């Protein structure tokens, strides 16, 4: 989370502020308009806007995971094209409702320059929710890591009814510990062998 905050605060938010500021200076006021400020449509509630931004961010992040995952070997086609299409789909769907931000930094720059903060928190909370949901769904359900998936498969098995049950594995016996020369363990073992041999001699006598 700290890395994400640092990335947005320094690496993304500042360039968007600079870009929006330059656009504000070079654009005549008569054609400046809203300068790309993302705003919630007055015909929907803030809750609806939160859901819309969460959904479009989810589909974008999920597409990025699915097309750029080095663990997958079944990928065909262009990852850039797939990601671009997901961005286009999100905009076609959400522009009339929220402006289709999909990125907090994209909304932050114009908001700073125009001082427009109405429902701005939506454009931060929704991308975080959508990103977390996409990461969790992809990592644990759609394409789990084989390293973490193998131990689960060894401990759980599906029975005839389709329910998972814990697999009973035989208890492993601990291996004999190596005895170092001159150690206390070796001395104790030698004394034990001496007592056993002494007892055998006495019994024979």
N, C-alpha and C. Protein backbone atom coordinates (compact mmCIF):
# COMPACT_ATOMS: atom_id res chain seq x y z
N UNK A 1 0.83 -1.19 0.00
CA UNK A 1 0.00 0.00 0.00
C UNK A 1 0.87 1.26 0.00
N UNK A 2 1.97 1.23 0.78
CA UNK A 2 2.85 2.38 0.81
C UNK A 2 3.49 2.62 -0.55
N UNK A 3 3.88 1.52 -1.23
CA UNK A 3 4.47 1.67 -2.56
C UNK A 3 3.46 2.24 -3.54
N UNK A 4 2.20 1.77 -3.41
CA UNK A 4 1.15 2.28 -4.29
C UNK A 4 0.92 3.76 -4.05
N UNK A 5 0.91 4.17 -2.77
CA UNK A 5 0.70 5.58 -2.44
C UNK A 5 1.84 6.42 -2.96
N UNK A 6 3.09 5.94 -2.80
CA UNK A 6 4.23 6.68 -3.30
C UNK A 6 4.20 6.80 -4.81
N UNK A 7 3.77 5.71 -5.48
CA UNK A 7 3.71 5.73 -6.94
C UNK A 7 2.71 6.75 -7.44
N UNK A 8 1.54 6.81 -6.79
CA UNK A 8 0.53 7.75 -7.23
C UNK A 8 0.87 9.19 -6.83
N UNK A 9 1.45 9.37 -5.63
CA UNK A 9 1.72 10.73 -5.18
C UNK A 9 2.84 11.38 -5.97
N UNK A 10 3.92 10.64 -6.21
CA UNK A 10 5.06 11.24 -6.89
C UNK A 10 5.13 10.95 -8.36
N UNK A 11 4.89 9.70 -8.73
CA UNK A 11 5.10 9.30 -10.11
C UNK A 11 3.94 9.53 -11.04
N UNK A 12 2.73 9.71 -10.50
CA UNK A 12 1.57 9.83 -11.37
C UNK A 12 0.77 11.11 -11.13
N UNK A 13 0.58 11.46 -9.86
CA UNK A 13 -0.25 12.63 -9.57
C UNK A 13 0.42 13.93 -10.02
N UNK A 14 1.72 14.05 -9.75
CA UNK A 14 2.40 15.28 -10.15
C UNK A 14 2.40 15.49 -11.67
N UNK A 15 2.68 14.48 -12.48
CA UNK A 15 2.58 14.70 -13.93
C UNK A 15 1.17 15.05 -14.40
N UNK A 16 0.15 14.48 -13.77
CA UNK A 16 -1.21 14.84 -14.20
C UNK A 16 -1.54 16.28 -13.82
N UNK A 17 -1.03 16.74 -12.68
CA UNK A 17 -1.24 18.15 -12.31
C UNK A 17 -0.52 19.06 -13.31
N UNK A 18 0.72 18.69 -13.66
CA UNK A 18 1.48 19.50 -14.62
C UNK A 18 0.79 19.51 -15.98
N UNK A 19 0.33 18.34 -16.43
CA UNK A 19 -0.35 18.28 -17.72
C UNK A 19 -1.63 19.08 -17.75
N UNK A 20 -2.44 18.96 -16.69
CA UNK A 20 -3.68 19.73 -16.63
C UNK A 20 -3.41 21.23 -16.55
N UNK A 21 -2.32 21.59 -15.83
CA UNK A 21 -1.98 23.00 -15.74
C UNK A 21 -1.55 23.58 -17.08
N UNK A 22 -0.74 22.83 -17.81
CA UNK A 22 -0.31 23.30 -19.14
C UNK A 22 -1.51 23.42 -20.07
N UNK A 23 -2.40 22.43 -20.03
CA UNK A 23 -3.60 22.48 -20.86
C UNK A 23 -4.47 23.67 -20.50
N UNK A 24 -4.53 23.98 -19.21
CA UNK A 24 -5.34 25.12 -18.75
C UNK A 24 -4.77 26.44 -19.28
N UNK A 25 -3.44 26.54 -19.32
CA UNK A 25 -2.80 27.79 -19.75
C UNK A 25 -2.90 28.00 -21.26
N UNK A 26 -2.80 26.94 -22.04
CA UNK A 26 -2.77 27.10 -23.50
C UNK A 26 -4.16 27.04 -24.13
N UNK A 27 -5.17 26.72 -23.35
CA UNK A 27 -6.53 26.61 -23.90
C UNK A 27 -7.32 27.88 -23.60
N UNK A 28 -7.89 28.50 -24.61
CA UNK A 28 -8.72 29.69 -24.36
C UNK A 28 -9.90 29.37 -23.45
N UNK A 29 -10.29 30.33 -22.63
CA UNK A 29 -11.37 30.10 -21.67
C UNK A 29 -12.70 29.81 -22.36
N UNK A 30 -12.86 30.29 -23.59
CA UNK A 30 -14.13 30.09 -24.29
C UNK A 30 -14.33 28.63 -24.72
N UNK A 31 -13.24 27.89 -24.88
CA UNK A 31 -13.35 26.49 -25.30
C UNK A 31 -12.76 25.55 -24.26
N UNK A 32 -12.46 26.06 -23.07
CA UNK A 32 -11.80 25.25 -22.05
C UNK A 32 -12.74 24.18 -21.49
N UNK A 33 -13.97 24.52 -21.31
CA UNK A 33 -14.94 23.56 -20.80
C UNK A 33 -14.59 23.11 -19.38
N UNK A 34 -14.80 21.83 -19.12
CA UNK A 34 -14.51 21.28 -17.80
C UNK A 34 -13.10 20.78 -17.63
N UNK A 35 -12.28 20.88 -18.64
CA UNK A 35 -10.87 20.47 -18.61
C UNK A 35 -10.71 19.00 -18.24
N UNK A 36 -11.68 18.20 -18.62
CA UNK A 36 -11.57 16.76 -18.38
C UNK A 36 -11.82 16.34 -16.95
N UNK A 37 -12.47 17.17 -16.15
CA UNK A 37 -12.76 16.80 -14.77
C UNK A 37 -13.80 15.69 -14.76
N UNK A 38 -13.52 14.63 -14.02
CA UNK A 38 -14.48 13.53 -13.89
C UNK A 38 -15.48 13.87 -12.79
N UNK A 39 -16.75 13.81 -13.14
CA UNK A 39 -17.81 14.16 -12.21
C UNK A 39 -18.91 13.10 -12.26
N UNK A 40 -19.57 12.92 -11.13
CA UNK A 40 -20.67 11.97 -11.05
C UNK A 40 -21.90 12.58 -11.68
N UNK A 41 -22.55 11.83 -12.54
CA UNK A 41 -23.77 12.31 -13.18
C UNK A 41 -24.83 12.60 -12.12
N UNK A 42 -25.50 13.73 -12.30
CA UNK A 42 -26.50 14.14 -11.31
C UNK A 42 -27.72 13.23 -11.29
N UNK A 43 -27.88 12.40 -12.31
CA UNK A 43 -29.04 11.50 -12.38
C UNK A 43 -28.82 10.19 -11.65
N UNK A 44 -27.60 9.96 -11.13
CA UNK A 44 -27.32 8.74 -10.38
C UNK A 44 -26.80 9.13 -8.99
N UNK A 45 -26.83 8.18 -8.09
CA UNK A 45 -26.35 8.43 -6.73
C UNK A 45 -24.85 8.19 -6.65
N UNK A 46 -24.28 8.61 -5.54
CA UNK A 46 -22.85 8.38 -5.33
C UNK A 46 -22.57 6.89 -5.19
N UNK A 47 -23.49 6.15 -4.62
CA UNK A 47 -23.32 4.70 -4.51
C UNK A 47 -23.26 4.03 -5.87
N UNK A 48 -24.11 4.48 -6.79
CA UNK A 48 -24.08 3.95 -8.15
C UNK A 48 -22.74 4.28 -8.82
N UNK A 49 -22.26 5.50 -8.61
CA UNK A 49 -20.97 5.89 -9.19
C UNK A 49 -19.84 5.04 -8.63
N UNK A 50 -19.90 4.74 -7.34
CA UNK A 50 -18.88 3.90 -6.73
C UNK A 50 -18.87 2.51 -7.37
N UNK A 51 -20.05 1.96 -7.60
CA UNK A 51 -20.14 0.63 -8.22
C UNK A 51 -19.62 0.67 -9.65
N UNK A 52 -19.98 1.70 -10.40
CA UNK A 52 -19.55 1.80 -11.80
C UNK A 52 -18.03 1.88 -11.89
N UNK A 53 -17.41 2.73 -11.08
CA UNK A 53 -15.95 2.86 -11.12
C UNK A 53 -15.26 1.59 -10.64
N UNK A 54 -15.86 0.93 -9.67
CA UNK A 54 -15.27 -0.33 -9.20
C UNK A 54 -15.29 -1.38 -10.30
N UNK A 55 -16.40 -1.47 -11.02
CA UNK A 55 -16.55 -2.49 -12.07
C UNK A 55 -15.56 -2.24 -13.21
N UNK A 56 -15.46 -1.01 -13.68
CA UNK A 56 -14.58 -0.76 -14.83
C UNK A 56 -13.11 -0.88 -14.42
N UNK A 57 -12.77 -0.52 -13.19
CA UNK A 57 -11.40 -0.74 -12.74
C UNK A 57 -11.11 -2.22 -12.59
N UNK A 58 -12.09 -2.96 -12.11
CA UNK A 58 -11.91 -4.41 -11.97
C UNK A 58 -11.63 -5.06 -13.31
N UNK A 59 -12.40 -4.73 -14.33
CA UNK A 59 -12.19 -5.39 -15.63
C UNK A 59 -10.87 -4.97 -16.26
N UNK A 60 -10.41 -3.77 -16.00
CA UNK A 60 -9.11 -3.35 -16.53
C UNK A 60 -7.97 -4.08 -15.83
N UNK A 61 -7.97 -4.10 -14.50
CA UNK A 61 -6.89 -4.74 -13.76
C UNK A 61 -6.89 -6.24 -14.00
N UNK A 62 -8.06 -6.84 -14.08
CA UNK A 62 -8.13 -8.28 -14.34
C UNK A 62 -7.55 -8.60 -15.72
N UNK A 63 -7.82 -7.75 -16.70
CA UNK A 63 -7.26 -7.96 -18.04
C UNK A 63 -5.75 -7.84 -18.03
N UNK A 64 -5.23 -6.89 -17.27
CA UNK A 64 -3.78 -6.72 -17.17
C UNK A 64 -3.15 -7.97 -16.56
N UNK A 65 -3.75 -8.49 -15.48
CA UNK A 65 -3.23 -9.71 -14.86
C UNK A 65 -3.27 -10.88 -15.84
N UNK A 66 -4.38 -11.03 -16.53
CA UNK A 66 -4.57 -12.20 -17.40
C UNK A 66 -3.66 -12.17 -18.62
N UNK A 67 -3.30 -10.99 -19.10
CA UNK A 67 -2.49 -10.90 -20.32
C UNK A 67 -1.00 -10.75 -20.05
N UNK A 68 -0.62 -10.37 -18.84
CA UNK A 68 0.79 -10.14 -18.52
C UNK A 68 1.35 -11.13 -17.50
N UNK A 69 0.61 -12.17 -17.20
CA UNK A 69 1.04 -13.14 -16.19
C UNK A 69 2.11 -14.05 -16.80
N UNK A 70 3.34 -14.05 -16.26
CA UNK A 70 4.39 -14.91 -16.83
C UNK A 70 4.16 -16.39 -16.53
N UNK A 71 3.27 -16.72 -15.58
CA UNK A 71 3.02 -18.13 -15.26
C UNK A 71 2.19 -18.83 -16.32
N UNK A 72 1.47 -18.06 -17.13
CA UNK A 72 0.59 -18.67 -18.13
C UNK A 72 1.34 -18.95 -19.43
N UNK A 73 1.03 -20.11 -20.00
CA UNK A 73 1.64 -20.50 -21.27
C UNK A 73 0.62 -20.61 -22.40
N UNK A 74 -0.64 -20.26 -22.11
CA UNK A 74 -1.71 -20.39 -23.11
C UNK A 74 -2.10 -19.04 -23.69
N UNK A 75 -1.25 -18.05 -23.55
CA UNK A 75 -1.60 -16.72 -24.03
C UNK A 75 -1.30 -16.60 -25.52
N UNK A 76 -2.25 -16.07 -26.24
CA UNK A 76 -2.10 -15.82 -27.67
C UNK A 76 -2.55 -14.39 -27.97
N UNK A 77 -2.00 -13.81 -29.01
CA UNK A 77 -2.41 -12.46 -29.38
C UNK A 77 -1.61 -11.39 -28.67
N UNK A 78 -2.10 -10.17 -28.75
CA UNK A 78 -1.40 -9.01 -28.23
C UNK A 78 -1.96 -8.60 -26.88
N UNK A 79 -1.07 -8.53 -25.88
CA UNK A 79 -1.49 -8.07 -24.55
C UNK A 79 -1.89 -6.60 -24.59
N UNK A 80 -1.14 -5.80 -25.32
CA UNK A 80 -1.47 -4.38 -25.43
C UNK A 80 -2.83 -4.14 -26.05
N UNK A 81 -3.18 -4.94 -27.07
CA UNK A 81 -4.48 -4.80 -27.70
C UNK A 81 -5.60 -5.17 -26.74
N UNK A 82 -5.40 -6.23 -25.98
CA UNK A 82 -6.43 -6.65 -25.01
C UNK A 82 -6.63 -5.58 -23.94
N UNK A 83 -5.53 -5.02 -23.43
CA UNK A 83 -5.64 -3.98 -22.41
C UNK A 83 -6.29 -2.73 -22.99
N UNK A 84 -5.92 -2.37 -24.21
CA UNK A 84 -6.54 -1.21 -24.85
C UNK A 84 -8.03 -1.39 -25.06
N UNK A 85 -8.45 -2.59 -25.44
CA UNK A 85 -9.87 -2.86 -25.62
C UNK A 85 -10.62 -2.78 -24.29
N UNK A 86 -9.98 -3.24 -23.20
CA UNK A 86 -10.64 -3.16 -21.90
C UNK A 86 -10.81 -1.71 -21.47
N UNK A 87 -9.83 -0.87 -21.77
CA UNK A 87 -9.96 0.56 -21.47
C UNK A 87 -11.09 1.18 -22.30
N UNK A 88 -11.15 0.82 -23.58
CA UNK A 88 -12.20 1.35 -24.44
C UNK A 88 -13.58 0.91 -23.97
N UNK A 89 -13.72 -0.36 -23.60
CA UNK A 89 -15.01 -0.86 -23.11
C UNK A 89 -15.43 -0.10 -21.84
N UNK A 90 -14.47 0.11 -20.94
CA UNK A 90 -14.79 0.85 -19.72
C UNK A 90 -15.26 2.26 -20.00
N UNK A 91 -14.63 2.92 -20.97
CA UNK A 91 -15.03 4.28 -21.31
C UNK A 91 -16.38 4.31 -22.02
N UNK A 92 -16.60 3.40 -22.94
CA UNK A 92 -17.89 3.37 -23.63
C UNK A 92 -19.05 3.18 -22.65
N UNK A 93 -18.79 2.41 -21.61
CA UNK A 93 -19.85 2.12 -20.64
C UNK A 93 -20.01 3.22 -19.61
N UNK A 94 -18.90 3.75 -19.06
CA UNK A 94 -18.98 4.56 -17.85
C UNK A 94 -18.87 6.06 -18.07
N UNK A 95 -18.48 6.52 -19.24
CA UNK A 95 -18.34 7.97 -19.44
C UNK A 95 -19.63 8.72 -19.13
N UNK A 96 -20.81 8.26 -19.55
CA UNK A 96 -22.03 9.02 -19.22
C UNK A 96 -22.35 9.05 -17.73
N UNK A 97 -21.79 8.12 -16.95
CA UNK A 97 -22.13 8.04 -15.53
C UNK A 97 -21.11 8.74 -14.63
N UNK A 98 -19.83 8.45 -14.83
CA UNK A 98 -18.80 8.97 -13.93
C UNK A 98 -17.63 9.64 -14.65
N UNK A 99 -17.60 9.58 -15.95
CA UNK A 99 -16.46 10.08 -16.69
C UNK A 99 -15.40 9.04 -16.93
N UNK A 100 -15.60 7.85 -16.37
CA UNK A 100 -14.69 6.71 -16.59
C UNK A 100 -13.25 7.06 -16.23
N UNK A 101 -13.03 7.26 -14.94
CA UNK A 101 -11.67 7.60 -14.49
C UNK A 101 -10.75 6.39 -14.57
N UNK A 102 -11.08 5.33 -13.83
CA UNK A 102 -10.30 4.10 -13.78
C UNK A 102 -8.91 4.28 -13.19
N UNK A 103 -8.57 5.49 -12.78
CA UNK A 103 -7.23 5.78 -12.25
C UNK A 103 -7.33 7.04 -11.39
N UNK A 104 -6.98 6.96 -10.10
CA UNK A 104 -7.07 8.14 -9.25
C UNK A 104 -6.26 9.33 -9.76
N UNK A 105 -5.08 9.07 -10.30
CA UNK A 105 -4.23 10.15 -10.77
C UNK A 105 -4.86 10.89 -11.94
N UNK A 106 -5.59 10.15 -12.78
CA UNK A 106 -6.24 10.79 -13.94
C UNK A 106 -7.27 11.83 -13.49
N UNK A 107 -7.97 11.57 -12.38
CA UNK A 107 -8.96 12.53 -11.87
C UNK A 107 -8.34 13.61 -11.00
N UNK A 108 -7.19 13.31 -10.40
CA UNK A 108 -6.61 14.22 -9.43
C UNK A 108 -6.06 15.49 -10.09
N UNK A 109 -5.37 15.36 -11.22
CA UNK A 109 -4.77 16.52 -11.87
C UNK A 109 -5.78 17.58 -12.26
N UNK A 110 -6.81 17.26 -13.05
CA UNK A 110 -7.82 18.27 -13.39
C UNK A 110 -8.56 18.83 -12.18
N UNK A 111 -8.77 17.98 -11.15
CA UNK A 111 -9.46 18.46 -9.95
C UNK A 111 -8.64 19.52 -9.22
N UNK A 112 -7.31 19.36 -9.19
CA UNK A 112 -6.46 20.35 -8.54
C UNK A 112 -6.47 21.67 -9.30
N UNK A 113 -6.34 21.62 -10.61
CA UNK A 113 -6.25 22.84 -11.41
C UNK A 113 -7.57 23.60 -11.40
N UNK A 114 -8.69 22.91 -11.47
CA UNK A 114 -10.01 23.57 -11.52
C UNK A 114 -10.65 23.70 -10.15
N UNK A 115 -10.01 23.13 -9.12
CA UNK A 115 -10.54 23.17 -7.75
C UNK A 115 -11.95 22.57 -7.70
N UNK A 116 -12.10 21.40 -8.33
CA UNK A 116 -13.39 20.70 -8.35
C UNK A 116 -13.24 19.42 -7.55
N UNK A 117 -13.90 19.36 -6.39
CA UNK A 117 -13.74 18.22 -5.48
C UNK A 117 -15.05 17.53 -5.15
N UNK A 118 -16.07 17.74 -5.94
CA UNK A 118 -17.36 17.11 -5.66
C UNK A 118 -17.26 15.61 -5.84
N UNK A 119 -17.52 14.87 -4.75
CA UNK A 119 -17.49 13.40 -4.77
C UNK A 119 -16.17 12.86 -5.30
N UNK A 120 -15.09 13.60 -5.06
CA UNK A 120 -13.80 13.17 -5.59
C UNK A 120 -13.31 11.88 -4.94
N UNK A 121 -13.75 11.61 -3.72
CA UNK A 121 -13.30 10.40 -3.02
C UNK A 121 -13.68 9.13 -3.77
N UNK A 122 -14.76 9.21 -4.57
CA UNK A 122 -15.19 8.04 -5.33
C UNK A 122 -14.08 7.56 -6.26
N UNK A 123 -13.34 8.49 -6.84
CA UNK A 123 -12.32 8.15 -7.82
C UNK A 123 -11.02 7.65 -7.17
N UNK A 124 -11.00 7.58 -5.85
CA UNK A 124 -9.90 6.95 -5.13
C UNK A 124 -10.32 5.63 -4.51
N UNK A 125 -11.48 5.61 -3.92
CA UNK A 125 -11.94 4.39 -3.23
C UNK A 125 -12.29 3.30 -4.24
N UNK A 126 -13.02 3.66 -5.29
CA UNK A 126 -13.47 2.65 -6.26
C UNK A 126 -12.31 1.95 -6.97
N UNK A 127 -11.28 2.66 -7.46
CA UNK A 127 -10.16 1.94 -8.07
C UNK A 127 -9.43 1.02 -7.11
N UNK A 128 -9.32 1.42 -5.84
CA UNK A 128 -8.69 0.54 -4.86
C UNK A 128 -9.51 -0.73 -4.66
N UNK A 129 -10.82 -0.59 -4.56
CA UNK A 129 -11.69 -1.76 -4.40
C UNK A 129 -11.62 -2.65 -5.63
N UNK A 130 -11.72 -2.06 -6.81
CA UNK A 130 -11.68 -2.85 -8.04
C UNK A 130 -10.36 -3.56 -8.23
N UNK A 131 -9.25 -2.88 -7.89
CA UNK A 131 -7.94 -3.51 -8.02
C UNK A 131 -7.74 -4.66 -7.06
N UNK A 132 -8.18 -4.49 -5.82
CA UNK A 132 -8.04 -5.56 -4.83
C UNK A 132 -8.90 -6.77 -5.22
N UNK A 133 -10.12 -6.53 -5.65
CA UNK A 133 -11.00 -7.63 -6.05
C UNK A 133 -10.44 -8.37 -7.26
N UNK A 134 -9.92 -7.63 -8.22
CA UNK A 134 -9.36 -8.27 -9.41
C UNK A 134 -8.14 -9.11 -9.06
N UNK A 135 -7.27 -8.59 -8.21
CA UNK A 135 -6.07 -9.32 -7.82
C UNK A 135 -6.42 -10.59 -7.05
N UNK A 136 -7.37 -10.47 -6.11
CA UNK A 136 -7.75 -11.63 -5.30
C UNK A 136 -8.42 -12.71 -6.16
N UNK A 137 -9.34 -12.30 -7.02
CA UNK A 137 -10.04 -13.27 -7.86
C UNK A 137 -9.09 -13.96 -8.82
N UNK A 138 -8.16 -13.21 -9.40
CA UNK A 138 -7.24 -13.82 -10.36
C UNK A 138 -6.25 -14.74 -9.66
N UNK A 139 -5.70 -14.30 -8.54
CA UNK A 139 -4.62 -15.03 -7.89
C UNK A 139 -5.13 -16.29 -7.20
N UNK A 140 -6.31 -16.26 -6.63
CA UNK A 140 -6.78 -17.38 -5.81
C UNK A 140 -7.86 -18.24 -6.47
N UNK A 141 -8.46 -17.76 -7.55
CA UNK A 141 -9.54 -18.53 -8.18
C UNK A 141 -9.27 -18.80 -9.65
N UNK A 142 -8.97 -17.78 -10.41
CA UNK A 142 -8.86 -17.95 -11.86
C UNK A 142 -7.55 -18.62 -12.25
N UNK A 143 -6.44 -18.14 -11.72
CA UNK A 143 -5.12 -18.69 -12.09
C UNK A 143 -4.22 -18.69 -10.88
N UNK A 144 -4.46 -19.61 -9.93
CA UNK A 144 -3.65 -19.62 -8.71
C UNK A 144 -2.22 -20.01 -8.99
N UNK A 145 -1.34 -19.57 -8.11
CA UNK A 145 0.08 -19.89 -8.23
C UNK A 145 0.27 -21.38 -8.00
N UNK A 146 0.93 -22.10 -8.92
CA UNK A 146 1.09 -23.55 -8.73
C UNK A 146 1.89 -23.91 -7.49
N UNK A 147 2.75 -23.01 -7.03
CA UNK A 147 3.55 -23.30 -5.83
C UNK A 147 2.66 -23.35 -4.60
N UNK A 148 1.70 -22.42 -4.51
CA UNK A 148 0.78 -22.42 -3.38
C UNK A 148 -0.39 -23.35 -3.59
N UNK A 149 -0.67 -23.71 -4.83
CA UNK A 149 -1.80 -24.60 -5.10
C UNK A 149 -1.47 -26.05 -4.77
N UNK A 150 -0.21 -26.46 -4.95
CA UNK A 150 0.17 -27.86 -4.74
C UNK A 150 -0.04 -28.32 -3.31
N UNK A 151 0.41 -27.56 -2.29
CA UNK A 151 0.15 -28.03 -0.92
C UNK A 151 -1.33 -28.16 -0.60
N UNK A 152 -2.17 -27.28 -1.16
CA UNK A 152 -3.60 -27.39 -0.92
C UNK A 152 -4.16 -28.66 -1.54
N UNK A 153 -3.67 -29.00 -2.74
CA UNK A 153 -4.15 -30.22 -3.37
C UNK A 153 -3.71 -31.47 -2.66
N UNK A 154 -2.55 -31.38 -1.96
CA UNK A 154 -2.09 -32.54 -1.22
C UNK A 154 -2.83 -32.73 0.10
N UNK A 155 -3.41 -31.68 0.63
CA UNK A 155 -4.11 -31.77 1.92
C UNK A 155 -5.62 -31.90 1.77
N UNK A 156 -6.16 -31.56 0.60
CA UNK A 156 -7.60 -31.64 0.38
C UNK A 156 -7.89 -32.51 -0.84
N UNK A 157 -8.97 -33.27 -0.75
CA UNK A 157 -9.42 -34.09 -1.87
C UNK A 157 -10.93 -34.04 -1.94
N UNK A 158 -11.47 -34.20 -3.13
CA UNK A 158 -12.90 -34.14 -3.34
C UNK A 158 -13.48 -35.55 -3.33
N UNK A 159 -14.53 -35.75 -2.52
CA UNK A 159 -15.15 -37.07 -2.43
C UNK A 159 -16.22 -37.22 -3.50
N UNK A 160 -16.98 -38.32 -3.43
CA UNK A 160 -17.99 -38.60 -4.46
C UNK A 160 -19.10 -37.57 -4.47
N UNK A 161 -19.40 -36.98 -3.31
CA UNK A 161 -20.48 -35.98 -3.24
C UNK A 161 -20.04 -34.60 -3.69
N UNK A 162 -18.76 -34.43 -3.99
CA UNK A 162 -18.26 -33.14 -4.44
C UNK A 162 -17.74 -32.26 -3.33
N UNK A 163 -17.71 -32.76 -2.10
CA UNK A 163 -17.21 -31.98 -0.98
C UNK A 163 -15.74 -32.26 -0.75
N UNK A 164 -15.04 -31.24 -0.31
CA UNK A 164 -13.62 -31.38 -0.03
C UNK A 164 -13.41 -31.90 1.38
N UNK A 165 -12.51 -32.86 1.51
CA UNK A 165 -12.18 -33.42 2.80
C UNK A 165 -10.67 -33.45 2.96
N UNK A 166 -10.24 -33.39 4.20
CA UNK A 166 -8.81 -33.39 4.48
C UNK A 166 -8.22 -34.77 4.27
N UNK A 167 -7.10 -34.82 3.59
CA UNK A 167 -6.43 -36.08 3.30
C UNK A 167 -5.59 -36.48 4.51
N UNK A 168 -5.77 -37.71 4.94
CA UNK A 168 -4.99 -38.22 6.07
C UNK A 168 -3.67 -38.77 5.53
N UNK A 169 -2.61 -38.10 5.86
CA UNK A 169 -1.29 -38.53 5.41
C UNK A 169 -0.59 -39.27 6.53
N UNK A 170 0.13 -40.33 6.20
CA UNK A 170 0.86 -41.07 7.25
C UNK A 170 1.89 -40.19 7.91
N UNK A 171 2.00 -40.37 9.22
CA UNK A 171 2.96 -39.58 9.97
C UNK A 171 4.38 -39.99 9.60
N UNK A 172 5.13 -39.03 9.27
CA UNK A 172 6.52 -39.31 8.88
C UNK A 172 7.36 -39.52 10.12
N UNK A 173 8.19 -40.54 10.04
CA UNK A 173 9.08 -40.84 11.15
C UNK A 173 10.30 -39.94 11.09
N UNK A 174 10.73 -39.37 12.20
CA UNK A 174 11.92 -38.51 12.18
C UNK A 174 13.16 -39.30 11.86
N UNK A 175 13.99 -38.72 11.05
CA UNK A 175 15.22 -39.39 10.66
C UNK A 175 16.21 -39.37 11.83
N UNK A 176 17.09 -40.37 11.85
CA UNK A 176 18.11 -40.43 12.89
C UNK A 176 19.03 -39.24 12.78
N UNK A 177 19.28 -38.65 13.90
CA UNK A 177 20.15 -37.49 13.92
C UNK A 177 21.60 -37.94 13.81
N UNK A 178 22.36 -37.19 13.05
CA UNK A 178 23.77 -37.51 12.88
C UNK A 178 24.52 -37.18 14.16
N UNK A 179 25.38 -38.08 14.58
CA UNK A 179 26.16 -37.91 15.80
C UNK A 179 27.56 -37.48 15.43
N UNK A 180 27.97 -36.32 15.94
CA UNK A 180 29.30 -35.82 15.63
C UNK A 180 30.34 -36.50 16.51
N UNK A 181 31.51 -36.77 15.97
CA UNK A 181 32.58 -37.36 16.78
C UNK A 181 32.96 -36.45 17.94
N UNK A 182 33.10 -37.06 19.13
CA UNK A 182 33.49 -36.30 20.30
C UNK A 182 32.36 -35.59 21.00
N UNK A 183 31.12 -35.72 20.48
CA UNK A 183 30.00 -35.03 21.10
C UNK A 183 29.50 -35.82 22.29
N UNK A 184 28.61 -35.14 23.08
CA UNK A 184 28.04 -35.80 24.25
C UNK A 184 27.19 -36.99 23.85
N UNK A 185 26.54 -36.87 22.71
CA UNK A 185 25.69 -37.97 22.26
C UNK A 185 26.53 -39.20 21.95
N UNK A 186 27.71 -38.96 21.32
CA UNK A 186 28.56 -40.10 21.01
C UNK A 186 29.12 -40.73 22.28
N UNK A 187 29.48 -39.89 23.26
CA UNK A 187 29.99 -40.43 24.51
C UNK A 187 28.93 -41.24 25.23
N UNK A 188 27.68 -40.72 25.22
CA UNK A 188 26.59 -41.45 25.87
C UNK A 188 26.33 -42.76 25.18
N UNK A 189 26.41 -42.76 23.86
CA UNK A 189 26.18 -44.00 23.12
C UNK A 189 27.28 -45.01 23.40
N UNK A 190 28.55 -44.53 23.49
CA UNK A 190 29.66 -45.44 23.78
C UNK A 190 29.54 -46.03 25.18
N UNK A 191 29.10 -45.17 26.15
CA UNK A 191 28.92 -45.69 27.51
C UNK A 191 27.82 -46.73 27.56
N UNK A 192 26.76 -46.50 26.79
CA UNK A 192 25.68 -47.48 26.75
C UNK A 192 26.14 -48.79 26.16
N UNK A 193 26.95 -48.70 25.09
CA UNK A 193 27.47 -49.93 24.50
C UNK A 193 28.40 -50.66 25.47
N UNK A 194 29.17 -49.84 26.26
CA UNK A 194 30.08 -50.47 27.23
C UNK A 194 29.30 -51.20 28.31
N UNK A 195 28.21 -50.56 28.80
CA UNK A 195 27.40 -51.21 29.83
C UNK A 195 26.75 -52.48 29.30
N UNK A 196 26.30 -52.45 28.05
CA UNK A 196 25.68 -53.65 27.47
C UNK A 196 26.70 -54.78 27.35
N UNK A 197 27.90 -54.45 26.89
CA UNK A 197 28.92 -55.49 26.73
C UNK A 197 29.37 -56.02 28.09
N UNK A 198 29.43 -55.14 29.12
CA UNK A 198 29.82 -55.56 30.46
C UNK A 198 28.78 -56.50 31.05
N UNK A 199 27.49 -56.18 30.78
CA UNK A 199 26.42 -57.05 31.28
C UNK A 199 26.48 -58.42 30.60
N UNK A 200 26.82 -58.46 29.32
CA UNK A 200 26.90 -59.72 28.61
C UNK A 200 28.04 -60.57 29.18
N UNK A 201 29.15 -59.91 29.53
CA UNK A 201 30.29 -60.65 30.10
C UNK A 201 29.92 -61.23 31.42
N UNK A 202 29.24 -60.43 32.29
CA UNK A 202 28.84 -60.94 33.61
C UNK A 202 27.88 -62.10 33.48
N UNK A 203 26.96 -61.99 32.54
CA UNK A 203 25.98 -63.08 32.39
C UNK A 203 26.64 -64.35 31.88
N UNK A 204 27.64 -64.20 31.06
CA UNK A 204 28.31 -65.39 30.56
C UNK A 204 29.14 -66.05 31.66
N UNK A 205 29.68 -65.23 32.59
CA UNK A 205 30.46 -65.79 33.68
C UNK A 205 29.52 -66.45 34.69
